[in-house]
Amino acid sequence: MKFINGKCKILHMGGNNSMYKYMLGSAQLEISSAEKDLGILLHIKLNITQQNAIASRKANSLLGCMKSLAIGS
């Protein structure tokens, strides 16, 4: 399987991160400040508590939609 450089990004996490520049072959990989993986937003400025709060709000919103659909049927 070939890697596509345009889809590969680096997300530096942590306060003591040395912010290395990574290469894939001869191309430098792009640095990103936020990425979404498996429906969870990862951002360099968010801590795990904030990320959990965002995921919890999204889950509660979906539950509310499901309840309203069940009541309406």
Protein backbone atom coordinates (compact mmCIF):
# COMPACT_ATOMS: atom_id res chain seq x y z
CA MET A 1 0.00 0.00 0.00
CA LYS A 2 1.36 3.43 -0.91
CA PHE A 3 1.26 6.38 1.46
CA ILE A 4 -0.27 9.55 0.10
CA ASN A 5 1.73 12.51 1.43
CA GLY A 6 -1.27 14.86 1.22
CA LYS A 7 -3.24 12.70 3.67
CA CYS A 8 -0.43 12.33 6.21
CA LYS A 9 -0.27 15.06 8.87
CA ILE A 10 1.58 15.53 12.14
CA LEU A 11 -0.27 16.56 15.31
CA HIS A 12 2.16 17.63 18.05
CA MET A 13 0.66 16.91 21.49
CA GLY A 14 2.01 17.71 24.94
CA GLY A 15 3.79 20.65 26.54
CA ASN A 16 7.28 19.16 26.28
CA ASN A 17 6.98 18.23 22.61
CA SER A 18 10.11 19.13 20.64
CA MET A 19 8.07 19.79 17.44
CA TYR A 20 10.22 17.66 15.14
CA LYS A 21 9.71 17.95 11.40
CA TYR A 22 8.97 14.54 9.91
CA MET A 23 9.72 13.37 6.39
CA LEU A 24 8.05 10.75 4.23
CA GLY A 25 10.61 9.96 1.58
CA SER A 26 11.89 13.34 0.43
CA ALA A 27 8.69 15.28 1.30
CA GLN A 28 8.15 17.02 4.64
CA LEU A 29 4.84 16.13 6.29
CA GLU A 30 2.35 18.90 7.01
CA ILE A 31 1.81 19.97 10.63
CA SER A 32 -1.79 20.21 11.81
CA SER A 33 -3.23 21.86 14.93
CA ALA A 34 -6.46 19.79 14.93
CA GLU A 35 -7.61 16.46 13.54
CA LYS A 36 -10.75 14.38 13.82
CA ASP A 37 -10.27 10.65 14.33
CA LEU A 38 -13.10 8.17 14.92
CA GLY A 39 -15.47 11.09 15.51
CA ILE A 40 -13.30 12.63 18.25
CA LEU A 41 -11.75 16.06 17.73
CA LEU A 42 -8.10 16.18 18.77
CA HIS A 43 -6.68 19.68 19.12
CA ILE A 44 -3.32 20.75 20.50
CA LYS A 45 -4.99 23.28 22.84
CA LEU A 46 -7.61 20.89 24.28
CA ASN A 47 -6.86 18.72 27.27
CA ILE A 48 -8.48 15.32 27.81
CA THR A 49 -11.24 16.76 30.04
CA GLN A 50 -12.32 19.20 27.34
CA GLN A 51 -12.22 16.44 24.71
CA ASN A 52 -14.40 14.22 26.93
CA ALA A 53 -16.88 17.07 27.43
CA ILE A 54 -17.20 17.57 23.65
CA ALA A 55 -17.72 13.83 23.08
CA SER A 56 -20.28 13.69 25.92
CA ARG A 57 -22.28 16.62 24.51
CA LYS A 58 -22.34 14.97 21.09
CA ALA A 59 -23.51 11.65 22.57
CA ASN A 60 -26.23 13.35 24.62
CA SER A 61 -27.42 15.20 21.53
CA LEU A 62 -27.69 11.94 19.60
CA LEU A 63 -29.59 10.31 22.48
CA GLY A 64 -32.03 13.23 22.49
CA CYS A 65 -32.64 12.78 18.76
CA MET A 66 -33.22 9.05 19.24
CA LYS A 67 -35.70 9.67 22.09
CA SER A 68 -37.65 12.21 20.04
CA LEU A 69 -37.86 9.74 17.15
CA ALA A 70 -39.08 6.97 19.47
CA ILE A 71 -41.74 9.22 21.01
CA GLY A 72 -42.92 10.45 17.61
CA SER A 73 -43.52 6.95 16.22
